[in-house]
Amino acid sequence: MIRPFETHSFKDRTVRDLWWVLTGADLLAAECCPIVPAMDRSELSSQLAPLEADPAPLHEFVAGSVARQPFRLGAYFEDLVGFYVAVVLGHRVERGLPIRVAGRTLGELDLLFEAAGTRHHWELAVKFYLFLPGLEPEPGESFVGPQVRDRLHRKVARLRDHQVPLPGRDEASECLTTWLPLQSAALVRGRLFYPAQTDWRARQPVVDLSPGHECGWWCHVEALRDALPDASGYAWLERFQWLAPIDARIDPVEVFDRDGLIRSADAMGAEWPDDHPRSHVMVGLDADGMEVHRGFVVSTGWPGEFL
């Protein structure tokens, strides 16, 4: 069975999440807006190797976002990037800098840092969207977040038109006196999920999206028996496990066979209320327990009237 995900031998889950954050496929195309250049994997592997022996500094750095209830994946993602830039690379860093003019907040800059005399601004995001064919005239408008009101084309437009270029606006300069000039770019990771009973690995060609973005499948819970892609085993994921690929030998997941997974999905779906969109993420595993595909199982009628 082919493993479509690049994995690393790091055994600590948080270190592997950091590796995925820094080396994962871009969600956005370079034509959309400036994106953070790809990092040298060999150099990065050496930089992160000490964390395999002692991941405590990383665990301590992300402890606030990990313990937050409800857990916010975006805050955890930002902490991982912040740790790499501030602690691993040792750069001067400022995070979450608000841009306020005449008492009005224009926005907030996710990450500022200085490296080798150059000052950088990175906008950070990790996003997951499901593709609903025919939802809008343009395919780029047909990606919907699991909580439904989050739409990919709106997020892309805000990044491209507002968040990344914000430091270049004249009215922002007063808030950035110690940082200008800045080089701005976006670091956006995530996955897009396509209907399971289609060629979901083909990816939808959409302007602004990287053609090599990570992808998965989705289906309604009542269709899972017919739609579930083949694998040697399956596991449900908690939200904090949504980043790096799963290794069931070391990650805390319960592995099901096909029938067991479907039975658990039926029981879960029976408890979901009809008046609220629900979803759960699962992975397919090969015989070695390594992730080979990932999917969203959503409630009956999703997204229904919630768009």
C-alpha atoms as a PDB file:
ATOM      1  CA  MET A   1       0.000   0.000   0.000  1.00  0.00           C
ATOM      2  CA  ILE A   2       1.420   3.386  -1.014  1.00  0.00           C
ATOM      3  CA  ARG A   3       2.095   5.917   1.745  1.00  0.00           C
ATOM      4  CA  PRO A   4       1.236   9.329   0.305  1.00  0.00           C
ATOM      5  CA  PHE A   5       2.570  11.301   3.280  1.00  0.00           C
ATOM      6  CA  GLU A   6       6.158  12.197   3.918  1.00  0.00           C
ATOM      7  CA  THR A   7       6.910  11.095   7.453  1.00  0.00           C
ATOM      8  CA  HIS A   8       9.846  11.495   9.793  1.00  0.00           C
ATOM      9  CA  SER A   9      11.342   9.209  12.398  1.00  0.00           C
ATOM     10  CA  PHE A  10      10.681  11.647  15.259  1.00  0.00           C
ATOM     11  CA  LYS A  11       8.808   9.691  17.891  1.00  0.00           C
ATOM     12  CA  ASP A  12       7.520  12.628  19.923  1.00  0.00           C
ATOM     13  CA  ARG A  13       4.140  13.707  18.559  1.00  0.00           C
ATOM     14  CA  THR A  14       4.730  17.437  19.084  1.00  0.00           C
ATOM     15  CA  VAL A  15       8.108  17.301  17.335  1.00  0.00           C
ATOM     16  CA  ARG A  16       6.481  15.548  14.382  1.00  0.00           C
ATOM     17  CA  ASP A  17       3.787  18.219  14.336  1.00  0.00           C
ATOM     18  CA  LEU A  18       6.526  20.848  14.186  1.00  0.00           C
ATOM     19  CA  TRP A  19       8.186  18.970  11.317  1.00  0.00           C
ATOM     20  CA  TRP A  20       4.867  18.827   9.407  1.00  0.00           C
ATOM     21  CA  VAL A  21       4.200  22.531  10.034  1.00  0.00           C
ATOM     22  CA  LEU A  22       7.591  23.450   8.570  1.00  0.00           C
ATOM     23  CA  THR A  23       7.760  20.957   5.688  1.00  0.00           C
ATOM     24  CA  GLY A  24       4.121  20.233   4.778  1.00  0.00           C
ATOM     25  CA  ALA A  25       2.650  21.072   1.400  1.00  0.00           C
ATOM     26  CA  ASP A  26       1.596  24.672   0.838  1.00  0.00           C
ATOM     27  CA  LEU A  27      -2.144  25.193   0.632  1.00  0.00           C
ATOM     28  CA  LEU A  28      -1.778  28.387  -1.423  1.00  0.00           C
ATOM     29  CA  ALA A  29      -0.100  28.878  -4.781  1.00  0.00           C
ATOM     30  CA  ALA A  30       2.762  31.334  -5.126  1.00  0.00           C
ATOM     31  CA  GLU A  31       0.634  33.233  -7.663  1.00  0.00           C
ATOM     32  CA  CYS A  32      -1.900  33.992  -4.929  1.00  0.00           C
ATOM     33  CA  CYS A  33       0.405  35.902  -2.586  1.00  0.00           C
ATOM     34  CA  PRO A  34       4.009  35.709  -1.364  1.00  0.00           C
ATOM     35  CA  ILE A  35       4.515  32.433   0.485  1.00  0.00           C
ATOM     36  CA  VAL A  36       7.268  31.352   2.876  1.00  0.00           C
ATOM     37  CA  PRO A  37       9.965  29.543   0.849  1.00  0.00           C
ATOM     38  CA  ALA A  38      10.351  25.792   1.265  1.00  0.00           C
ATOM     39  CA  MET A  39      12.788  24.866   4.029  1.00  0.00           C
ATOM     40  CA  ASP A  40      15.821  22.623   3.597  1.00  0.00           C
ATOM     41  CA  ARG A  41      14.731  19.273   5.023  1.00  0.00           C
ATOM     42  CA  SER A  42      18.246  18.048   5.777  1.00  0.00           C
ATOM     43  CA  GLU A  43      19.129  21.211   7.693  1.00  0.00           C
ATOM     44  CA  LEU A  44      15.786  21.182   9.457  1.00  0.00           C
ATOM     45  CA  SER A  45      16.219  17.552  10.498  1.00  0.00           C
ATOM     46  CA  SER A  46      19.519  18.459  12.142  1.00  0.00           C
ATOM     47  CA  GLN A  47      17.982  21.496  13.838  1.00  0.00           C
ATOM     48  CA  LEU A  48      15.169  19.463  15.351  1.00  0.00           C
ATOM     49  CA  ALA A  49      17.226  16.405  16.286  1.00  0.00           C
ATOM     50  CA  PRO A  50      17.980  17.665  19.840  1.00  0.00           C
ATOM     51  CA  LEU A  51      14.229  17.793  20.485  1.00  0.00           C
ATOM     52  CA  GLU A  52      13.985  14.051  19.928  1.00  0.00           C
ATOM     53  CA  ALA A  53      16.259  13.536  22.931  1.00  0.00           C
ATOM     54  CA  ASP A  54      14.602  16.262  25.005  1.00  0.00           C
ATOM     55  CA  PRO A  55      11.283  17.643  23.709  1.00  0.00           C
ATOM     56  CA  ALA A  56      10.550  19.386  27.049  1.00  0.00           C
ATOM     57  CA  PRO A  57      11.377  22.921  25.784  1.00  0.00           C
ATOM     58  CA  LEU A  58       8.910  22.499  22.917  1.00  0.00           C
ATOM     59  CA  HIS A  59       6.241  21.013  25.190  1.00  0.00           C
ATOM     60  CA  GLU A  60       6.632  23.922  27.596  1.00  0.00           C
ATOM     61  CA  PHE A  61       6.418  26.494  24.798  1.00  0.00           C
ATOM     62  CA  VAL A  62       3.131  25.118  23.424  1.00  0.00           C
ATOM     63  CA  ALA A  63       1.629  24.207  26.809  1.00  0.00           C
ATOM     64  CA  GLY A  64      -0.732  27.192  26.854  1.00  0.00           C
ATOM     65  CA  SER A  65      -2.333  26.441  23.496  1.00  0.00           C
ATOM     66  CA  VAL A  66      -2.454  22.677  24.161  1.00  0.00           C
ATOM     67  CA  ALA A  67      -4.233  23.146  27.493  1.00  0.00           C
ATOM     68  CA  ARG A  68      -6.689  25.727  26.194  1.00  0.00           C
ATOM     69  CA  GLN A  69     -10.333  24.676  26.273  1.00  0.00           C
ATOM     70  CA  PRO A  70     -11.783  24.442  23.768  1.00  0.00           C
ATOM     71  CA  PHE A  71      -8.584  23.451  21.987  1.00  0.00           C
ATOM     72  CA  ARG A  72      -7.742  25.873  19.165  1.00  0.00           C
ATOM     73  CA  LEU A  73      -5.668  24.238  16.463  1.00  0.00           C
ATOM     74  CA  GLY A  74      -4.714  27.615  14.991  1.00  0.00           C
ATOM     75  CA  ALA A  75      -3.162  28.796  18.268  1.00  0.00           C
ATOM     76  CA  TYR A  76      -1.191  25.542  18.545  1.00  0.00           C
ATOM     77  CA  PHE A  77      -0.004  25.958  14.935  1.00  0.00           C
ATOM     78  CA  GLU A  78       1.173  29.514  15.647  1.00  0.00           C
ATOM     79  CA  ASP A  79       3.003  28.357  18.782  1.00  0.00           C
ATOM     80  CA  LEU A  80       4.854  25.689  16.800  1.00  0.00           C
ATOM     81  CA  VAL A  81       6.053  28.223  14.230  1.00  0.00           C
ATOM     82  CA  GLY A  82       6.893  30.711  16.975  1.00  0.00           C
ATOM     83  CA  PHE A  83       9.015  28.106  18.773  1.00  0.00           C
ATOM     84  CA  TYR A  84      10.997  27.343  15.635  1.00  0.00           C
ATOM     85  CA  VAL A  85      11.744  30.970  14.813  1.00  0.00           C
ATOM     86  CA  ALA A  86      12.371  32.209  18.372  1.00  0.00           C
ATOM     87  CA  VAL A  87      13.951  29.190  20.096  1.00  0.00           C
ATOM     88  CA  VAL A  88      15.451  26.947  17.405  1.00  0.00           C
ATOM     89  CA  LEU A  89      16.704  29.811  15.214  1.00  0.00           C
ATOM     90  CA  GLY A  90      17.093  32.306  18.064  1.00  0.00           C
ATOM     91  CA  HIS A  91      15.668  35.318  16.234  1.00  0.00           C
ATOM     92  CA  ARG A  92      14.153  38.424  17.780  1.00  0.00           C
ATOM     93  CA  VAL A  93      10.412  37.850  17.560  1.00  0.00           C
ATOM     94  CA  GLU A  94       7.149  39.708  18.100  1.00  0.00           C
ATOM     95  CA  ARG A  95       3.842  37.858  17.865  1.00  0.00           C
ATOM     96  CA  GLY A  96       0.289  39.093  17.487  1.00  0.00           C
ATOM     97  CA  LEU A  97       1.171  42.756  16.943  1.00  0.00           C
ATOM     98  CA  PRO A  98      -2.049  44.809  16.629  1.00  0.00           C
ATOM     99  CA  ILE A  99      -2.181  47.578  14.028  1.00  0.00           C
ATOM    100  CA  ARG A 100      -4.323  50.358  15.479  1.00  0.00           C
ATOM    101  CA  VAL A 101      -4.976  53.747  13.900  1.00  0.00           C
ATOM    102  CA  ALA A 102      -7.033  56.437  15.652  1.00  0.00           C
ATOM    103  CA  GLY A 103      -8.514  53.888  18.014  1.00  0.00           C
ATOM    104  CA  ARG A 104      -9.484  51.528  15.182  1.00  0.00           C
ATOM    105  CA  THR A 105      -7.857  48.101  14.811  1.00  0.00           C
ATOM    106  CA  LEU A 106      -6.923  47.395  11.201  1.00  0.00           C
ATOM    107  CA  GLY A 107      -5.623  43.922  11.927  1.00  0.00           C
ATOM    108  CA  GLU A 108      -3.009  41.928  13.780  1.00  0.00           C
ATOM    109  CA  LEU A 109       0.327  40.696  12.425  1.00  0.00           C
ATOM    110  CA  ASP A 110       0.906  37.055  13.368  1.00  0.00           C
ATOM    111  CA  LEU A 111       4.708  36.908  13.452  1.00  0.00           C
ATOM    112  CA  LEU A 112       7.521  39.417  13.050  1.00  0.00           C
ATOM    113  CA  PHE A 113      11.193  38.479  13.274  1.00  0.00           C
ATOM    114  CA  GLU A 114      14.618  39.639  12.176  1.00  0.00           C
ATOM    115  CA  ALA A 115      17.113  37.276  10.522  1.00  0.00           C
ATOM    116  CA  ALA A 116      20.501  38.258   9.114  1.00  0.00           C
ATOM    117  CA  GLY A 117      19.522  41.921   8.959  1.00  0.00           C
ATOM    118  CA  THR A 118      16.222  41.293   7.142  1.00  0.00           C
ATOM    119  CA  ARG A 119      12.902  41.839   8.903  1.00  0.00           C
ATOM    120  CA  HIS A 120      10.126  39.397   8.103  1.00  0.00           C
ATOM    121  CA  HIS A 121       6.366  39.322   8.563  1.00  0.00           C
ATOM    122  CA  TRP A 122       4.618  35.946   8.321  1.00  0.00           C
ATOM    123  CA  GLU A 123       0.884  35.404   8.357  1.00  0.00           C
ATOM    124  CA  LEU A 124       0.114  31.937   9.703  1.00  0.00           C
ATOM    125  CA  ALA A 125      -2.887  29.704   9.119  1.00  0.00           C
ATOM    126  CA  VAL A 126      -3.820  26.028   9.214  1.00  0.00           C
ATOM    127  CA  LYS A 127      -7.126  25.267   7.529  1.00  0.00           C
ATOM    128  CA  PHE A 128      -9.289  22.270   6.589  1.00  0.00           C
ATOM    129  CA  TYR A 129     -12.103  22.449   4.030  1.00  0.00           C
ATOM    130  CA  LEU A 130     -14.519  20.044   2.346  1.00  0.00           C
ATOM    131  CA  PHE A 131     -15.334  20.350  -1.345  1.00  0.00           C
ATOM    132  CA  LEU A 132     -19.025  20.517  -2.273  1.00  0.00           C
ATOM    133  CA  PRO A 133     -19.311  20.255  -6.078  1.00  0.00           C
ATOM    134  CA  GLY A 134     -21.732  22.723  -7.599  1.00  0.00           C
ATOM    135  CA  LEU A 135     -22.164  24.792  -4.454  1.00  0.00           C
ATOM    136  CA  GLU A 136     -21.032  27.941  -6.282  1.00  0.00           C
ATOM    137  CA  PRO A 137     -20.388  28.776  -9.946  1.00  0.00           C
ATOM    138  CA  GLU A 138     -16.618  28.897  -9.311  1.00  0.00           C
ATOM    139  CA  PRO A 139     -14.902  25.795  -7.839  1.00  0.00           C
ATOM    140  CA  GLY A 140     -12.814  27.978  -5.534  1.00  0.00           C
ATOM    141  CA  GLU A 141     -15.987  29.015  -3.728  1.00  0.00           C
ATOM    142  CA  SER A 142     -17.072  25.436  -3.060  1.00  0.00           C
ATOM    143  CA  PHE A 143     -14.757  24.618  -0.151  1.00  0.00           C
ATOM    144  CA  VAL A 144     -16.550  24.698   3.200  1.00  0.00           C
ATOM    145  CA  GLY A 145     -15.110  24.334   6.698  1.00  0.00           C
ATOM    146  CA  PRO A 146     -16.451  21.609   8.994  1.00  0.00           C
ATOM    147  CA  GLN A 147     -18.190  24.352  11.000  1.00  0.00           C
ATOM    148  CA  VAL A 148     -19.811  25.421   7.705  1.00  0.00           C
ATOM    149  CA  ARG A 149     -19.594  29.217   7.941  1.00  0.00           C
ATOM    150  CA  ASP A 150     -15.849  29.117   7.277  1.00  0.00           C
ATOM    151  CA  ARG A 151     -15.269  29.303   3.503  1.00  0.00           C
ATOM    152  CA  LEU A 152     -11.927  28.895   1.770  1.00  0.00           C
ATOM    153  CA  HIS A 153     -12.367  31.636  -0.855  1.00  0.00           C
ATOM    154  CA  ARG A 154     -13.070  34.188   1.876  1.00  0.00           C
ATOM    155  CA  LYS A 155      -9.987  33.164   3.861  1.00  0.00           C
ATOM    156  CA  VAL A 156      -7.799  33.324   0.764  1.00  0.00           C
ATOM    157  CA  ALA A 157      -9.131  36.769  -0.168  1.00  0.00           C
ATOM    158  CA  ARG A 158      -8.473  38.116   3.323  1.00  0.00           C
ATOM    159  CA  LEU A 159      -4.923  36.764   3.370  1.00  0.00           C
ATOM    160  CA  ARG A 160      -4.145  38.017  -0.135  1.00  0.00           C
ATOM    161  CA  ASP A 161      -5.855  41.404   0.023  1.00  0.00           C
ATOM    162  CA  HIS A 162      -5.579  42.401   3.669  1.00  0.00           C
ATOM    163  CA  GLN A 163      -3.440  40.378   6.073  1.00  0.00           C
ATOM    164  CA  VAL A 164      -0.246  39.866   4.043  1.00  0.00           C
ATOM    165  CA  PRO A 165      -0.078  43.412   2.556  1.00  0.00           C
ATOM    166  CA  LEU A 166      -1.188  45.161   5.778  1.00  0.00           C
ATOM    167  CA  PRO A 167       2.334  46.308   6.848  1.00  0.00           C
ATOM    168  CA  GLY A 168       2.686  48.124   3.517  1.00  0.00           C
ATOM    169  CA  ARG A 169      -0.267  50.414   4.160  1.00  0.00           C
ATOM    170  CA  ASP A 170       0.719  53.978   5.028  1.00  0.00           C
ATOM    171  CA  GLU A 171      -1.463  54.056   8.141  1.00  0.00           C
ATOM    172  CA  ALA A 172       0.292  50.956   9.535  1.00  0.00           C
ATOM    173  CA  SER A 173       3.752  52.519   9.555  1.00  0.00           C
ATOM    174  CA  GLU A 174       3.299  54.246  12.932  1.00  0.00           C
ATOM    175  CA  CYS A 175       2.838  50.869  14.616  1.00  0.00           C
ATOM    176  CA  LEU A 176       5.902  49.382  12.914  1.00  0.00           C
ATOM    177  CA  THR A 177       8.610  51.971  13.461  1.00  0.00           C
ATOM    178  CA  THR A 178      11.127  49.411  14.798  1.00  0.00           C
ATOM    179  CA  TRP A 179      10.313  46.806  12.145  1.00  0.00           C
ATOM    180  CA  LEU A 180      10.192  48.550   8.780  1.00  0.00           C
ATOM    181  CA  PRO A 181      10.996  47.659   6.074  1.00  0.00           C
ATOM    182  CA  LEU A 182       9.302  44.246   6.216  1.00  0.00           C
ATOM    183  CA  GLN A 183       9.188  41.307   3.834  1.00  0.00           C
ATOM    184  CA  SER A 184       5.705  39.772   4.112  1.00  0.00           C
ATOM    185  CA  ALA A 185       4.685  36.213   3.281  1.00  0.00           C
ATOM    186  CA  ALA A 186       2.097  33.595   4.240  1.00  0.00           C
ATOM    187  CA  LEU A 187       2.707  30.169   5.773  1.00  0.00           C
ATOM    188  CA  VAL A 188      -0.513  28.243   5.205  1.00  0.00           C
ATOM    189  CA  ARG A 189      -0.859  24.513   5.808  1.00  0.00           C
ATOM    190  CA  GLY A 190      -3.882  22.239   5.833  1.00  0.00           C
ATOM    191  CA  ARG A 191      -5.836  19.730   3.800  1.00  0.00           C
ATOM    192  CA  LEU A 192      -8.732  19.810   1.364  1.00  0.00           C
ATOM    193  CA  PHE A 193     -11.217  16.942   1.394  1.00  0.00           C
ATOM    194  CA  TYR A 194     -13.140  15.704  -1.649  1.00  0.00           C
ATOM    195  CA  PRO A 195     -16.245  13.469  -1.880  1.00  0.00           C
ATOM    196  CA  ALA A 196     -15.169   9.900  -1.138  1.00  0.00           C
ATOM    197  CA  GLN A 197     -17.079   8.388  -4.039  1.00  0.00           C
ATOM    198  CA  THR A 198     -15.146  10.495  -6.557  1.00  0.00           C
ATOM    199  CA  ASP A 199     -11.510  10.445  -7.635  1.00  0.00           C
ATOM    200  CA  TRP A 200     -10.638  12.381  -4.493  1.00  0.00           C
ATOM    201  CA  ARG A 201      -6.886  12.057  -4.925  1.00  0.00           C
ATOM    202  CA  ALA A 202      -7.041  13.990  -8.225  1.00  0.00           C
ATOM    203  CA  ARG A 203      -7.490  17.364  -6.456  1.00  0.00           C
ATOM    204  CA  GLN A 204      -9.576  20.221  -7.792  1.00  0.00           C
ATOM    205  CA  PRO A 205      -7.589  22.660  -9.971  1.00  0.00           C
ATOM    206  CA  VAL A 206      -8.383  26.050  -8.472  1.00  0.00           C
ATOM    207  CA  VAL A 207      -6.691  29.394  -8.978  1.00  0.00           C
ATOM    208  CA  ASP A 208      -4.846  30.481  -5.796  1.00  0.00           C
ATOM    209  CA  LEU A 209      -4.468  26.886  -4.507  1.00  0.00           C
ATOM    210  CA  SER A 210      -1.265  24.901  -4.728  1.00  0.00           C
ATOM    211  CA  PRO A 211      -1.729  21.965  -7.143  1.00  0.00           C
ATOM    212  CA  GLY A 212       0.213  19.819  -4.670  1.00  0.00           C
ATOM    213  CA  HIS A 213      -1.948  20.547  -1.621  1.00  0.00           C
ATOM    214  CA  GLU A 214      -2.594  17.689   0.800  1.00  0.00           C
ATOM    215  CA  CYS A 215      -5.957  16.067   0.188  1.00  0.00           C
ATOM    216  CA  GLY A 216      -8.364  13.603   1.712  1.00  0.00           C
ATOM    217  CA  TRP A 217     -11.948  12.400   1.347  1.00  0.00           C
ATOM    218  CA  TRP A 218     -15.284  13.063   3.053  1.00  0.00           C
ATOM    219  CA  CYS A 219     -18.690  11.421   3.242  1.00  0.00           C
ATOM    220  CA  HIS A 220     -21.910  11.518   5.246  1.00  0.00           C
ATOM    221  CA  VAL A 221     -22.008   9.085   8.132  1.00  0.00           C
ATOM    222  CA  GLU A 222     -24.830   7.019   6.604  1.00  0.00           C
ATOM    223  CA  ALA A 223     -22.762   6.509   3.402  1.00  0.00           C
ATOM    224  CA  LEU A 224     -19.585   5.372   5.152  1.00  0.00           C
ATOM    225  CA  ARG A 225     -20.059   1.631   4.564  1.00  0.00           C
ATOM    226  CA  ASP A 226     -20.037   2.096   0.787  1.00  0.00           C
ATOM    227  CA  ALA A 227     -17.654   5.060   0.628  1.00  0.00           C
ATOM    228  CA  LEU A 228     -14.890   4.128   3.079  1.00  0.00           C
ATOM    229  CA  PRO A 229     -11.559   3.773   1.205  1.00  0.00           C
ATOM    230  CA  ASP A 230      -9.634   0.555   1.753  1.00  0.00           C
ATOM    231  CA  ALA A 231      -6.969   0.270   4.446  1.00  0.00           C
ATOM    232  CA  SER A 232      -5.529  -2.360   6.777  1.00  0.00           C
ATOM    233  CA  GLY A 233      -6.918  -0.526   9.801  1.00  0.00           C
ATOM    234  CA  TYR A 234      -8.691   2.670  10.802  1.00  0.00           C
ATOM    235  CA  ALA A 235      -8.641   5.148  13.676  1.00  0.00           C
ATOM    236  CA  TRP A 236     -10.559   8.214  14.817  1.00  0.00           C
ATOM    237  CA  LEU A 237      -8.537  11.342  15.549  1.00  0.00           C
ATOM    238  CA  GLU A 238      -8.846  13.950  18.259  1.00  0.00           C
ATOM    239  CA  ARG A 239      -8.512  17.548  17.095  1.00  0.00           C
ATOM    240  CA  PHE A 240      -4.966  17.865  18.453  1.00  0.00           C
ATOM    241  CA  GLN A 241      -3.977  14.986  16.119  1.00  0.00           C
ATOM    242  CA  TRP A 242      -5.000  16.740  12.903  1.00  0.00           C
ATOM    243  CA  LEU A 243      -1.523  17.925  11.862  1.00  0.00           C
ATOM    244  CA  ALA A 244       1.233  15.351  11.281  1.00  0.00           C
ATOM    245  CA  PRO A 245       0.469  11.941   9.756  1.00  0.00           C
ATOM    246  CA  ILE A 246      -0.464   9.255  12.268  1.00  0.00           C
ATOM    247  CA  ASP A 247       1.826   6.427  13.312  1.00  0.00           C
ATOM    248  CA  ALA A 248      -0.400   4.039  15.285  1.00  0.00           C
ATOM    249  CA  ARG A 249       2.638   2.358  16.839  1.00  0.00           C
ATOM    250  CA  ILE A 250       3.362   5.450  18.940  1.00  0.00           C
ATOM    251  CA  ASP A 251       0.306   7.721  18.667  1.00  0.00           C
ATOM    252  CA  PRO A 252      -2.525   7.182  21.181  1.00  0.00           C
ATOM    253  CA  VAL A 253      -5.214   5.917  18.802  1.00  0.00           C
ATOM    254  CA  GLU A 254      -7.568   2.936  18.929  1.00  0.00           C
ATOM    255  CA  VAL A 255      -7.281   0.880  15.754  1.00  0.00           C
ATOM    256  CA  PHE A 256     -10.428  -0.679  14.250  1.00  0.00           C
ATOM    257  CA  ASP A 257     -10.958  -3.099  11.417  1.00  0.00           C
ATOM    258  CA  ARG A 258     -13.406  -2.033   8.722  1.00  0.00           C
ATOM    259  CA  ASP A 259     -16.531  -3.439  10.350  1.00  0.00           C
ATOM    260  CA  GLY A 260     -15.561  -2.118  13.773  1.00  0.00           C
ATOM    261  CA  LEU A 261     -14.989   1.356  12.376  1.00  0.00           C
ATOM    262  CA  ILE A 262     -18.368   1.387  10.644  1.00  0.00           C
ATOM    263  CA  ARG A 263     -20.146   0.199  13.796  1.00  0.00           C
ATOM    264  CA  SER A 264     -18.505   2.949  15.832  1.00  0.00           C
ATOM    265  CA  ALA A 265     -19.461   5.523  13.186  1.00  0.00           C
ATOM    266  CA  ASP A 266     -23.084   4.378  13.235  1.00  0.00           C
ATOM    267  CA  ALA A 267     -23.190   4.710  17.023  1.00  0.00           C
ATOM    268  CA  MET A 268     -21.573   8.129  16.879  1.00  0.00           C
ATOM    269  CA  GLY A 269     -23.899   9.352  14.148  1.00  0.00           C
ATOM    270  CA  ALA A 270     -26.960   8.226  16.075  1.00  0.00           C
ATOM    271  CA  GLU A 271     -25.996  10.631  18.877  1.00  0.00           C
ATOM    272  CA  TRP A 272     -25.494  13.652  16.624  1.00  0.00           C
ATOM    273  CA  PRO A 273     -28.375  16.166  16.786  1.00  0.00           C
ATOM    274  CA  ASP A 274     -30.123  17.006  13.519  1.00  0.00           C
ATOM    275  CA  ASP A 275     -30.039  20.747  14.146  1.00  0.00           C
ATOM    276  CA  HIS A 276     -26.256  21.159  14.391  1.00  0.00           C
ATOM    277  CA  PRO A 277     -23.532  20.224  11.874  1.00  0.00           C
ATOM    278  CA  ARG A 278     -21.135  17.610  13.234  1.00  0.00           C
ATOM    279  CA  SER A 279     -18.009  15.960  11.884  1.00  0.00           C
ATOM    280  CA  HIS A 280     -15.203  13.661  12.936  1.00  0.00           C
ATOM    281  CA  VAL A 281     -11.832  12.943  11.344  1.00  0.00           C
ATOM    282  CA  MET A 282     -10.468   9.459  10.756  1.00  0.00           C
ATOM    283  CA  VAL A 283      -7.455   7.875   9.106  1.00  0.00           C
ATOM    284  CA  GLY A 284      -6.792   4.720   7.162  1.00  0.00           C
ATOM    285  CA  LEU A 285      -3.641   2.820   8.171  1.00  0.00           C
ATOM    286  CA  ASP A 286      -1.382   0.342   6.419  1.00  0.00           C
ATOM    287  CA  ALA A 287      -0.240  -2.950   7.969  1.00  0.00           C
ATOM    288  CA  ASP A 288       2.563  -1.107   9.790  1.00  0.00           C
ATOM    289  CA  GLY A 289       0.150   1.374  11.373  1.00  0.00           C
ATOM    290  CA  MET A 290       1.207   4.277   9.154  1.00  0.00           C
ATOM    291  CA  GLU A 291      -1.401   6.680   7.791  1.00  0.00           C
ATOM    292  CA  VAL A 292      -2.320   6.182   4.134  1.00  0.00           C
ATOM    293  CA  HIS A 293      -5.428   8.356   3.862  1.00  0.00           C
ATOM    294  CA  ARG A 294      -7.523  10.739   5.934  1.00  0.00           C
ATOM    295  CA  GLY A 295     -11.222  11.567   5.832  1.00  0.00           C
ATOM    296  CA  PHE A 296     -14.015  13.619   7.351  1.00  0.00           C
ATOM    297  CA  VAL A 297     -17.217  11.829   8.349  1.00  0.00           C
ATOM    298  CA  VAL A 298     -20.023  14.387   8.600  1.00  0.00           C
ATOM    299  CA  SER A 299     -23.549  14.333   9.992  1.00  0.00           C
ATOM    300  CA  THR A 300     -26.608  13.434   7.929  1.00  0.00           C
ATOM    301  CA  GLY A 301     -27.630  16.321   5.703  1.00  0.00           C
ATOM    302  CA  TRP A 302     -24.412  18.263   6.252  1.00  0.00           C
ATOM    303  CA  PRO A 303     -24.108  21.172   5.510  1.00  0.00           C
ATOM    304  CA  GLY A 304     -27.898  21.545   5.214  1.00  0.00           C
ATOM    305  CA  GLU A 305     -29.220  25.024   6.019  1.00  0.00           C
ATOM    306  CA  PHE A 306     -26.132  26.131   7.893  1.00  0.00           C
ATOM    307  CA  LEU A 307     -24.323  27.804   4.983  1.00  0.00           C
END
